[in-house]
Amino acid sequence: MKQPAVTIIVAVYQAEKTIDRCLNSILNQTFSDWQAILVNDASSDGSLERLLSYAEHDRRFMVVSNDNNLGVAAARNRALDLAGGDYVAFLDADDWWDCDMLSTLLDCAQRYGAEIVQCKYQYNYANGGGYVPGSIFKLFTMLERKQFYKIYWRMMTGMKMNHVCMKLIKRDLVKDLRFDTKLKTGEDLAFCIRLIPKAARYVYIPAPMYHYYREKGNLTGSSLSFREKWNANRYISSMMIDNLKNWEMKNPFFVVVAWFRPYLLTVSKLFRTLKDTVYSKGVQGVEGNAQK
């Protein structure tokens, strides 16, 4: 049986209000050679019924269910075990894609021989507000492995490299790579810390094609205590410090930067909370671009 070019992984939990928009954005892709693995993580609302309805009408959707709520990391890992094809992409159940996102990322991957291609994203709020954060890189950027220090630096000092959902990933890179199920927050970044060094070439496209939905109550880690978040971020800082030698960045300056990351992250999230307050009232905005 012919494998699809792209496997899309969607972990679903209590998403009956947003899952139609998410799955419709997959159906509306201009690129059609995909399979979507939808993992119902023991939802108690109508999520499973919506997933089964889509699978009934389009065989490209595959639905699997967990008997117990295991968390997003375990749900994604189950889908990775089933994934086929050349590339993998992740989409959260309350987010959505522009219709040309897959085709654009895949074209770049094939044209430039990149194993990871990433686009920009924008925040969208329930009442229509939103904003586009500044770019990770100002312009279209292609990096070879020897230049990946530019990526690692952004991992240590910001949040825009944290996510897996804006990336198209060569499946060979994740055959033996899984999400850390011990983490309840920061699992994306922990995954990326181990993912990026496996690639030989990375491409960044400064076009906001991924829509990141934000609503009070659905924010990542919002149900966790400050101590739980802090401990997770300290663990990730330790991962970074342990990887500095492999990144060819092993010197006291970068050790200090990685160690201070939880403090930088706390300040960054305070500013993001303020932005949430403004943009959730219907305001639209665009942040300035990052440096090259």
C-alpha atoms as a PDB file:
ATOM      1  CA  MET A   1       0.000   0.000   0.000  1.00  0.00           C
ATOM      2  CA  LYS A   2       1.379   3.399  -1.000  1.00  0.00           C
ATOM      3  CA  GLN A   3       2.341   5.572   1.956  1.00  0.00           C
ATOM      4  CA  PRO A   4       1.226   9.234   2.030  1.00  0.00           C
ATOM      5  CA  ALA A   5       3.863  11.911   1.556  1.00  0.00           C
ATOM      6  CA  VAL A   6       2.934  13.578   4.867  1.00  0.00           C
ATOM      7  CA  THR A   7       1.521  12.163   8.094  1.00  0.00           C
ATOM      8  CA  ILE A   8      -0.327  14.769  10.160  1.00  0.00           C
ATOM      9  CA  ILE A   9      -0.597  14.089  13.897  1.00  0.00           C
ATOM     10  CA  VAL A  10      -3.408  15.614  15.961  1.00  0.00           C
ATOM     11  CA  ALA A  11      -3.721  14.847  19.681  1.00  0.00           C
ATOM     12  CA  VAL A  12      -7.307  15.494  20.774  1.00  0.00           C
ATOM     13  CA  TYR A  13      -8.673  16.066  24.270  1.00  0.00           C
ATOM     14  CA  GLN A  14     -11.971  17.820  25.062  1.00  0.00           C
ATOM     15  CA  ALA A  15     -11.870  19.654  21.731  1.00  0.00           C
ATOM     16  CA  GLU A  16     -15.419  19.310  20.409  1.00  0.00           C
ATOM     17  CA  LYS A  17     -15.760  23.109  20.074  1.00  0.00           C
ATOM     18  CA  THR A  18     -12.638  23.556  17.937  1.00  0.00           C
ATOM     19  CA  ILE A  19     -11.914  20.246  16.209  1.00  0.00           C
ATOM     20  CA  ASP A  20     -14.086  20.926  13.141  1.00  0.00           C
ATOM     21  CA  ARG A  21     -12.128  24.080  12.324  1.00  0.00           C
ATOM     22  CA  CYS A  22      -8.866  22.185  12.829  1.00  0.00           C
ATOM     23  CA  LEU A  23      -9.797  19.232  10.615  1.00  0.00           C
ATOM     24  CA  ASN A  24     -11.413  21.422   7.961  1.00  0.00           C
ATOM     25  CA  SER A  25      -8.109  23.271   7.641  1.00  0.00           C
ATOM     26  CA  ILE A  26      -6.498  19.907   6.822  1.00  0.00           C
ATOM     27  CA  LEU A  27      -9.200  19.086   4.281  1.00  0.00           C
ATOM     28  CA  ASN A  28      -8.737  22.507   2.685  1.00  0.00           C
ATOM     29  CA  GLN A  29      -5.012  22.028   2.047  1.00  0.00           C
ATOM     30  CA  THR A  30      -4.004  22.527  -1.566  1.00  0.00           C
ATOM     31  CA  PHE A  31      -1.691  19.531  -1.078  1.00  0.00           C
ATOM     32  CA  SER A  32      -3.721  16.327  -0.818  1.00  0.00           C
ATOM     33  CA  ASP A  33      -1.265  13.426  -0.393  1.00  0.00           C
ATOM     34  CA  TRP A  34      -1.547  13.203   3.381  1.00  0.00           C
ATOM     35  CA  GLN A  35      -2.800  10.960   6.151  1.00  0.00           C
ATOM     36  CA  ALA A  36      -4.024  12.415   9.444  1.00  0.00           C
ATOM     37  CA  ILE A  37      -3.733  10.312  12.603  1.00  0.00           C
ATOM     38  CA  LEU A  38      -6.227  11.614  15.154  1.00  0.00           C
ATOM     39  CA  VAL A  39      -5.571  10.395  18.698  1.00  0.00           C
ATOM     40  CA  ASN A  40      -8.533  10.780  21.032  1.00  0.00           C
ATOM     41  CA  ASP A  41      -6.979  10.997  24.499  1.00  0.00           C
ATOM     42  CA  ALA A  42     -10.027   9.716  26.441  1.00  0.00           C
ATOM     43  CA  SER A  43     -12.161  12.818  25.809  1.00  0.00           C
ATOM     44  CA  SER A  44     -15.457  12.863  27.694  1.00  0.00           C
ATOM     45  CA  ASP A  45     -17.145  15.447  25.447  1.00  0.00           C
ATOM     46  CA  GLY A  46     -18.203  14.928  21.831  1.00  0.00           C
ATOM     47  CA  SER A  47     -14.671  14.949  20.382  1.00  0.00           C
ATOM     48  CA  LEU A  48     -14.577  11.254  19.482  1.00  0.00           C
ATOM     49  CA  GLU A  49     -17.895  11.444  17.631  1.00  0.00           C
ATOM     50  CA  ARG A  50     -16.599  14.348  15.544  1.00  0.00           C
ATOM     51  CA  LEU A  51     -13.381  12.457  14.724  1.00  0.00           C
ATOM     52  CA  LEU A  52     -15.275   9.347  13.674  1.00  0.00           C
ATOM     53  CA  SER A  53     -17.537  11.441  11.472  1.00  0.00           C
ATOM     54  CA  TYR A  54     -14.557  12.860   9.565  1.00  0.00           C
ATOM     55  CA  ALA A  55     -12.965   9.410   9.253  1.00  0.00           C
ATOM     56  CA  GLU A  56     -16.218   7.997   7.887  1.00  0.00           C
ATOM     57  CA  HIS A  57     -16.293  10.579   5.099  1.00  0.00           C
ATOM     58  CA  ASP A  58     -12.563  10.627   4.246  1.00  0.00           C
ATOM     59  CA  ARG A  59     -10.314   7.581   4.506  1.00  0.00           C
ATOM     60  CA  ARG A  60      -7.241   9.775   4.925  1.00  0.00           C
ATOM     61  CA  PHE A  61      -8.310  10.300   8.542  1.00  0.00           C
ATOM     62  CA  MET A  62      -7.337   7.531  10.976  1.00  0.00           C
ATOM     63  CA  VAL A  63      -8.839   7.581  14.487  1.00  0.00           C
ATOM     64  CA  VAL A  64      -7.272   5.853  17.485  1.00  0.00           C
ATOM     65  CA  SER A  65      -8.425   6.189  21.089  1.00  0.00           C
ATOM     66  CA  ASN A  66      -6.739   5.942  24.463  1.00  0.00           C
ATOM     67  CA  ASP A  67      -8.761   4.290  27.221  1.00  0.00           C
ATOM     68  CA  ASN A  68      -7.274   6.708  29.757  1.00  0.00           C
ATOM     69  CA  ASN A  69      -6.169  10.317  29.514  1.00  0.00           C
ATOM     70  CA  LEU A  70      -2.390  10.007  29.081  1.00  0.00           C
ATOM     71  CA  GLY A  71      -1.500  13.532  27.988  1.00  0.00           C
ATOM     72  CA  VAL A  72      -0.414  15.122  24.727  1.00  0.00           C
ATOM     73  CA  ALA A  73       3.077  13.584  24.769  1.00  0.00           C
ATOM     74  CA  ALA A  74       1.785  10.002  25.002  1.00  0.00           C
ATOM     75  CA  ALA A  75      -0.933  10.706  22.414  1.00  0.00           C
ATOM     76  CA  ARG A  76       1.609  12.026  19.917  1.00  0.00           C
ATOM     77  CA  ASN A  77       3.929   9.100  20.622  1.00  0.00           C
ATOM     78  CA  ARG A  78       1.157   6.661  19.784  1.00  0.00           C
ATOM     79  CA  ALA A  79       0.628   8.421  16.461  1.00  0.00           C
ATOM     80  CA  LEU A  80       4.369   8.438  15.734  1.00  0.00           C
ATOM     81  CA  ASP A  81       4.366   4.658  16.172  1.00  0.00           C
ATOM     82  CA  LEU A  82       1.767   4.472  13.380  1.00  0.00           C
ATOM     83  CA  ALA A  83       3.160   7.167  11.086  1.00  0.00           C
ATOM     84  CA  GLY A  84       4.264   6.378   7.544  1.00  0.00           C
ATOM     85  CA  GLY A  85       5.381   8.420   4.572  1.00  0.00           C
ATOM     86  CA  ASP A  86       8.269  10.822   4.133  1.00  0.00           C
ATOM     87  CA  TYR A  87       7.332  13.705   6.437  1.00  0.00           C
ATOM     88  CA  VAL A  88       5.536  14.341   9.716  1.00  0.00           C
ATOM     89  CA  ALA A  89       3.614  17.454  10.769  1.00  0.00           C
ATOM     90  CA  PHE A  90       1.883  18.231  14.062  1.00  0.00           C
ATOM     91  CA  LEU A  91      -1.318  20.233  14.505  1.00  0.00           C
ATOM     92  CA  ASP A  92      -3.017  20.989  17.825  1.00  0.00           C
ATOM     93  CA  ALA A  93      -6.744  20.301  18.043  1.00  0.00           C
ATOM     94  CA  ASP A  94      -7.688  23.940  18.687  1.00  0.00           C
ATOM     95  CA  ASP A  95      -5.397  25.414  16.013  1.00  0.00           C
ATOM     96  CA  TRP A  96      -5.571  25.530  12.214  1.00  0.00           C
ATOM     97  CA  TRP A  97      -3.467  25.966   9.081  1.00  0.00           C
ATOM     98  CA  ASP A  98      -3.615  28.274   6.091  1.00  0.00           C
ATOM     99  CA  CYS A  99      -4.708  26.267   3.054  1.00  0.00           C
ATOM    100  CA  ASP A 100      -1.264  26.386   1.414  1.00  0.00           C
ATOM    101  CA  MET A 101       0.845  25.636   4.491  1.00  0.00           C
ATOM    102  CA  LEU A 102       1.621  21.998   3.689  1.00  0.00           C
ATOM    103  CA  SER A 103       2.369  22.659   0.023  1.00  0.00           C
ATOM    104  CA  THR A 104       4.648  25.598   0.873  1.00  0.00           C
ATOM    105  CA  LEU A 105       6.636  23.736   3.519  1.00  0.00           C
ATOM    106  CA  LEU A 106       6.908  20.592   1.411  1.00  0.00           C
ATOM    107  CA  ASP A 107       8.062  22.568  -1.624  1.00  0.00           C
ATOM    108  CA  CYS A 108      10.849  24.134   0.461  1.00  0.00           C
ATOM    109  CA  ALA A 109      11.835  20.775   1.946  1.00  0.00           C
ATOM    110  CA  GLN A 110      12.180  19.221  -1.497  1.00  0.00           C
ATOM    111  CA  ARG A 111      13.674  22.227  -3.281  1.00  0.00           C
ATOM    112  CA  TYR A 112      16.385  22.890  -0.694  1.00  0.00           C
ATOM    113  CA  GLY A 113      16.894  19.389   0.680  1.00  0.00           C
ATOM    114  CA  ALA A 114      15.864  20.505   4.171  1.00  0.00           C
ATOM    115  CA  GLU A 115      14.866  17.926   6.771  1.00  0.00           C
ATOM    116  CA  ILE A 116      13.091  20.520   8.913  1.00  0.00           C
ATOM    117  CA  VAL A 117      11.086  23.417   7.493  1.00  0.00           C
ATOM    118  CA  GLN A 118       9.394  25.876   9.836  1.00  0.00           C
ATOM    119  CA  CYS A 119       6.971  28.727   9.239  1.00  0.00           C
ATOM    120  CA  LYS A 120       5.878  31.674  11.329  1.00  0.00           C
ATOM    121  CA  TYR A 121       2.652  31.649  13.361  1.00  0.00           C
ATOM    122  CA  GLN A 122       0.033  34.057  14.567  1.00  0.00           C
ATOM    123  CA  TYR A 123      -2.101  34.175  17.699  1.00  0.00           C
ATOM    124  CA  ASN A 124      -5.888  34.186  17.284  1.00  0.00           C
ATOM    125  CA  TYR A 125      -8.400  34.838  20.052  1.00  0.00           C
ATOM    126  CA  ALA A 126     -11.991  33.746  20.529  1.00  0.00           C
ATOM    127  CA  ASN A 127     -13.432  37.217  19.895  1.00  0.00           C
ATOM    128  CA  GLY A 128     -11.486  37.877  16.693  1.00  0.00           C
ATOM    129  CA  GLY A 129      -8.452  39.637  18.134  1.00  0.00           C
ATOM    130  CA  GLY A 130      -4.938  38.499  17.410  1.00  0.00           C
ATOM    131  CA  TYR A 131      -1.383  39.397  16.587  1.00  0.00           C
ATOM    132  CA  VAL A 132       1.618  38.122  14.654  1.00  0.00           C
ATOM    133  CA  PRO A 133       4.730  37.716  16.855  1.00  0.00           C
ATOM    134  CA  GLY A 134       8.074  38.852  15.525  1.00  0.00           C
ATOM    135  CA  SER A 135       9.928  36.422  13.291  1.00  0.00           C
ATOM    136  CA  ILE A 136      12.559  33.985  14.562  1.00  0.00           C
ATOM    137  CA  PHE A 137      14.668  35.161  11.623  1.00  0.00           C
ATOM    138  CA  LYS A 138      13.921  38.382   9.735  1.00  0.00           C
ATOM    139  CA  LEU A 139      14.099  36.865   6.254  1.00  0.00           C
ATOM    140  CA  PHE A 140      13.862  33.483   4.578  1.00  0.00           C
ATOM    141  CA  THR A 141      16.683  31.524   6.213  1.00  0.00           C
ATOM    142  CA  MET A 142      18.476  28.294   5.325  1.00  0.00           C
ATOM    143  CA  LEU A 143      20.974  26.893   7.820  1.00  0.00           C
ATOM    144  CA  GLU A 144      23.454  24.047   7.580  1.00  0.00           C
ATOM    145  CA  ARG A 145      24.258  22.007  10.705  1.00  0.00           C
ATOM    146  CA  LYS A 146      27.400  24.052  11.427  1.00  0.00           C
ATOM    147  CA  GLN A 147      25.133  27.132  11.653  1.00  0.00           C
ATOM    148  CA  PHE A 148      22.597  25.580  14.034  1.00  0.00           C
ATOM    149  CA  TYR A 149      24.046  27.591  16.926  1.00  0.00           C
ATOM    150  CA  LYS A 150      21.696  30.330  15.668  1.00  0.00           C
ATOM    151  CA  ILE A 151      18.766  28.003  16.410  1.00  0.00           C
ATOM    152  CA  TYR A 152      20.098  26.859  19.779  1.00  0.00           C
ATOM    153  CA  TRP A 153      20.658  30.456  20.855  1.00  0.00           C
ATOM    154  CA  ARG A 154      17.007  31.224  20.130  1.00  0.00           C
ATOM    155  CA  MET A 155      15.966  28.118  22.071  1.00  0.00           C
ATOM    156  CA  MET A 156      17.878  29.367  25.096  1.00  0.00           C
ATOM    157  CA  THR A 157      16.664  32.963  25.002  1.00  0.00           C
ATOM    158  CA  GLY A 158      13.092  32.862  23.677  1.00  0.00           C
ATOM    159  CA  MET A 159       9.969  30.823  23.058  1.00  0.00           C
ATOM    160  CA  LYS A 160       9.438  30.935  19.300  1.00  0.00           C
ATOM    161  CA  MET A 161      11.589  27.849  18.624  1.00  0.00           C
ATOM    162  CA  ASN A 162       9.759  25.814  21.276  1.00  0.00           C
ATOM    163  CA  HIS A 163       6.918  24.407  19.189  1.00  0.00           C
ATOM    164  CA  VAL A 164       6.751  21.355  16.937  1.00  0.00           C
ATOM    165  CA  CYS A 165       3.488  22.412  15.303  1.00  0.00           C
ATOM    166  CA  MET A 166       4.963  24.936  12.864  1.00  0.00           C
ATOM    167  CA  LYS A 167       7.453  22.426  11.485  1.00  0.00           C
ATOM    168  CA  LEU A 168       7.452  19.903   8.645  1.00  0.00           C
ATOM    169  CA  ILE A 169       9.869  17.156   9.698  1.00  0.00           C
ATOM    170  CA  LYS A 170      11.528  14.402   7.697  1.00  0.00           C
ATOM    171  CA  ARG A 171      10.156  11.215   9.239  1.00  0.00           C
ATOM    172  CA  ASP A 172      13.570   9.545   9.313  1.00  0.00           C
ATOM    173  CA  LEU A 173      14.544  12.041  12.039  1.00  0.00           C
ATOM    174  CA  VAL A 174      11.804  10.855  14.402  1.00  0.00           C
ATOM    175  CA  LYS A 175      11.875   7.097  13.851  1.00  0.00           C
ATOM    176  CA  ASP A 176      13.656   6.647  17.189  1.00  0.00           C
ATOM    177  CA  LEU A 177      12.567   9.904  18.821  1.00  0.00           C
ATOM    178  CA  ARG A 178       9.573  10.294  21.129  1.00  0.00           C
ATOM    179  CA  PHE A 179       8.085  12.943  23.421  1.00  0.00           C
ATOM    180  CA  ASP A 180       8.986  12.835  27.119  1.00  0.00           C
ATOM    181  CA  THR A 181       5.821  11.662  28.889  1.00  0.00           C
ATOM    182  CA  LYS A 182       7.169  12.754  32.284  1.00  0.00           C
ATOM    183  CA  LEU A 183       6.836  16.400  31.263  1.00  0.00           C
ATOM    184  CA  LYS A 184       3.449  18.107  31.589  1.00  0.00           C
ATOM    185  CA  THR A 185       4.712  21.334  30.028  1.00  0.00           C
ATOM    186  CA  GLY A 186       7.704  22.057  27.814  1.00  0.00           C
ATOM    187  CA  GLU A 187       7.470  18.681  26.078  1.00  0.00           C
ATOM    188  CA  ASP A 188       7.696  20.362  22.652  1.00  0.00           C
ATOM    189  CA  LEU A 189      10.985  22.075  23.462  1.00  0.00           C
ATOM    190  CA  ALA A 190      12.459  18.946  25.050  1.00  0.00           C
ATOM    191  CA  PHE A 191      11.593  17.142  21.801  1.00  0.00           C
ATOM    192  CA  CYS A 192      13.143  19.880  19.647  1.00  0.00           C
ATOM    193  CA  ILE A 193      16.371  19.862  21.674  1.00  0.00           C
ATOM    194  CA  ARG A 194      16.874  16.251  20.573  1.00  0.00           C
ATOM    195  CA  LEU A 195      15.365  16.714  17.100  1.00  0.00           C
ATOM    196  CA  ILE A 196      17.301  19.651  15.637  1.00  0.00           C
ATOM    197  CA  PRO A 197      20.812  18.097  15.881  1.00  0.00           C
ATOM    198  CA  LYS A 198      19.601  15.119  13.815  1.00  0.00           C
ATOM    199  CA  ALA A 199      18.997  17.358  10.788  1.00  0.00           C
ATOM    200  CA  ALA A 200      21.610  18.454   8.257  1.00  0.00           C
ATOM    201  CA  ARG A 201      19.656  21.450   6.916  1.00  0.00           C
ATOM    202  CA  TYR A 202      16.912  23.694   8.331  1.00  0.00           C
ATOM    203  CA  VAL A 203      14.739  26.231   6.516  1.00  0.00           C
ATOM    204  CA  TYR A 204      12.659  29.033   8.059  1.00  0.00           C
ATOM    205  CA  ILE A 205       9.881  30.805   6.159  1.00  0.00           C
ATOM    206  CA  PRO A 206       8.765  34.145   7.739  1.00  0.00           C
ATOM    207  CA  ALA A 207       5.126  33.707   6.675  1.00  0.00           C
ATOM    208  CA  PRO A 208       2.459  33.256   9.417  1.00  0.00           C
ATOM    209  CA  MET A 209       0.656  30.180   8.089  1.00  0.00           C
ATOM    210  CA  TYR A 210      -0.056  28.494  11.443  1.00  0.00           C
ATOM    211  CA  HIS A 211      -2.927  29.846  13.569  1.00  0.00           C
ATOM    212  CA  TYR A 212      -2.387  29.400  17.298  1.00  0.00           C
ATOM    213  CA  TYR A 213      -5.734  29.705  19.101  1.00  0.00           C
ATOM    214  CA  ARG A 214      -5.675  31.216  22.569  1.00  0.00           C
ATOM    215  CA  GLU A 215      -8.552  31.261  24.986  1.00  0.00           C
ATOM    216  CA  LYS A 216      -8.674  31.493  28.747  1.00  0.00           C
ATOM    217  CA  GLY A 217      -8.467  27.941  30.078  1.00  0.00           C
ATOM    218  CA  ASN A 218      -6.796  26.357  27.070  1.00  0.00           C
ATOM    219  CA  LEU A 219      -3.313  27.800  27.482  1.00  0.00           C
ATOM    220  CA  THR A 220      -0.419  25.349  27.609  1.00  0.00           C
ATOM    221  CA  GLY A 221       0.311  24.332  31.184  1.00  0.00           C
ATOM    222  CA  SER A 222      -2.473  26.570  32.568  1.00  0.00           C
ATOM    223  CA  SER A 223      -3.643  23.840  34.977  1.00  0.00           C
ATOM    224  CA  LEU A 224      -0.168  23.390  36.474  1.00  0.00           C
ATOM    225  CA  SER A 225       1.168  25.084  39.582  1.00  0.00           C
ATOM    226  CA  PHE A 226       4.024  27.569  39.379  1.00  0.00           C
ATOM    227  CA  ARG A 227       6.318  25.023  41.048  1.00  0.00           C
ATOM    228  CA  GLU A 228       5.448  22.348  38.456  1.00  0.00           C
ATOM    229  CA  LYS A 229       6.177  24.750  35.600  1.00  0.00           C
ATOM    230  CA  TRP A 230       9.377  25.928  37.268  1.00  0.00           C
ATOM    231  CA  ASN A 231      10.637  22.377  37.798  1.00  0.00           C
ATOM    232  CA  ALA A 232       9.889  21.496  34.159  1.00  0.00           C
ATOM    233  CA  ASN A 233      11.794  24.551  32.947  1.00  0.00           C
ATOM    234  CA  ARG A 234      14.748  23.769  35.222  1.00  0.00           C
ATOM    235  CA  TYR A 235      14.812  20.249  33.783  1.00  0.00           C
ATOM    236  CA  ILE A 236      14.858  21.635  30.235  1.00  0.00           C
ATOM    237  CA  SER A 237      17.650  24.063  31.173  1.00  0.00           C
ATOM    238  CA  SER A 238      19.654  21.070  32.389  1.00  0.00           C
ATOM    239  CA  MET A 239      19.000  19.350  29.053  1.00  0.00           C
ATOM    240  CA  MET A 240      20.340  22.409  27.249  1.00  0.00           C
ATOM    241  CA  ILE A 241      23.469  22.550  29.398  1.00  0.00           C
ATOM    242  CA  ASP A 242      24.065  18.841  28.796  1.00  0.00           C
ATOM    243  CA  ASN A 243      23.782  19.427  25.030  1.00  0.00           C
ATOM    244  CA  LEU A 244      26.048  22.483  24.796  1.00  0.00           C
ATOM    245  CA  LYS A 245      29.070  20.340  23.986  1.00  0.00           C
ATOM    246  CA  ASN A 246      27.219  18.613  21.138  1.00  0.00           C
ATOM    247  CA  TRP A 247      26.108  22.047  19.918  1.00  0.00           C
ATOM    248  CA  GLU A 248      29.757  23.249  20.015  1.00  0.00           C
ATOM    249  CA  MET A 249      28.685  26.006  22.432  1.00  0.00           C
ATOM    250  CA  LYS A 250      30.312  24.667  25.591  1.00  0.00           C
ATOM    251  CA  ASN A 251      31.616  27.753  27.384  1.00  0.00           C
ATOM    252  CA  PRO A 252      30.706  29.528  30.659  1.00  0.00           C
ATOM    253  CA  PHE A 253      28.641  32.230  28.937  1.00  0.00           C
ATOM    254  CA  PHE A 254      26.200  29.791  27.330  1.00  0.00           C
ATOM    255  CA  VAL A 255      26.023  27.714  30.522  1.00  0.00           C
ATOM    256  CA  VAL A 256      24.895  30.829  32.410  1.00  0.00           C
ATOM    257  CA  VAL A 257      22.371  31.743  29.690  1.00  0.00           C
ATOM    258  CA  ALA A 258      20.864  28.240  29.751  1.00  0.00           C
ATOM    259  CA  TRP A 259      20.799  28.231  33.557  1.00  0.00           C
ATOM    260  CA  PHE A 260      18.963  31.582  33.642  1.00  0.00           C
ATOM    261  CA  ARG A 261      16.415  30.501  31.036  1.00  0.00           C
ATOM    262  CA  PRO A 262      13.575  29.825  33.554  1.00  0.00           C
ATOM    263  CA  TYR A 263      13.912  33.408  34.833  1.00  0.00           C
ATOM    264  CA  LEU A 264      13.878  34.822  31.291  1.00  0.00           C
ATOM    265  CA  LEU A 265      10.886  32.637  30.500  1.00  0.00           C
ATOM    266  CA  THR A 266       8.961  33.889  33.543  1.00  0.00           C
ATOM    267  CA  VAL A 267       9.434  37.510  32.444  1.00  0.00           C
ATOM    268  CA  SER A 268       8.544  36.636  28.846  1.00  0.00           C
ATOM    269  CA  LYS A 269       5.328  34.941  29.928  1.00  0.00           C
ATOM    270  CA  LEU A 270       4.348  37.954  32.034  1.00  0.00           C
ATOM    271  CA  PHE A 271       4.610  40.117  28.921  1.00  0.00           C
ATOM    272  CA  ARG A 272       2.637  37.547  26.938  1.00  0.00           C
ATOM    273  CA  THR A 273      -0.090  37.598  29.586  1.00  0.00           C
ATOM    274  CA  LEU A 274      -0.327  41.370  29.154  1.00  0.00           C
ATOM    275  CA  LYS A 275      -0.592  40.916  25.392  1.00  0.00           C
ATOM    276  CA  ASP A 276      -3.307  38.310  25.904  1.00  0.00           C
ATOM    277  CA  THR A 277      -5.276  40.857  27.920  1.00  0.00           C
ATOM    278  CA  VAL A 278      -5.026  43.427  25.109  1.00  0.00           C
ATOM    279  CA  TYR A 279      -5.517  41.224  22.047  1.00  0.00           C
ATOM    280  CA  SER A 280      -8.265  39.092  23.569  1.00  0.00           C
ATOM    281  CA  LYS A 281     -10.413  42.252  23.443  1.00  0.00           C
ATOM    282  CA  GLY A 282     -10.437  42.177  19.650  1.00  0.00           C
ATOM    283  CA  VAL A 283      -7.295  44.176  18.909  1.00  0.00           C
ATOM    284  CA  GLN A 284      -5.166  43.187  15.905  1.00  0.00           C
ATOM    285  CA  GLY A 285      -1.410  43.684  15.793  1.00  0.00           C
ATOM    286  CA  VAL A 286       1.984  42.746  14.385  1.00  0.00           C
ATOM    287  CA  GLU A 287       5.215  42.655  16.374  1.00  0.00           C
ATOM    288  CA  GLY A 288       8.580  43.730  15.025  1.00  0.00           C
ATOM    289  CA  ASN A 289      10.878  41.233  13.338  1.00  0.00           C
ATOM    290  CA  ALA A 290      13.830  39.505  14.942  1.00  0.00           C
ATOM    291  CA  GLN A 291      17.413  40.183  14.041  1.00  0.00           C
ATOM    292  CA  LYS A 292      19.068  38.182  11.289  1.00  0.00           C
END
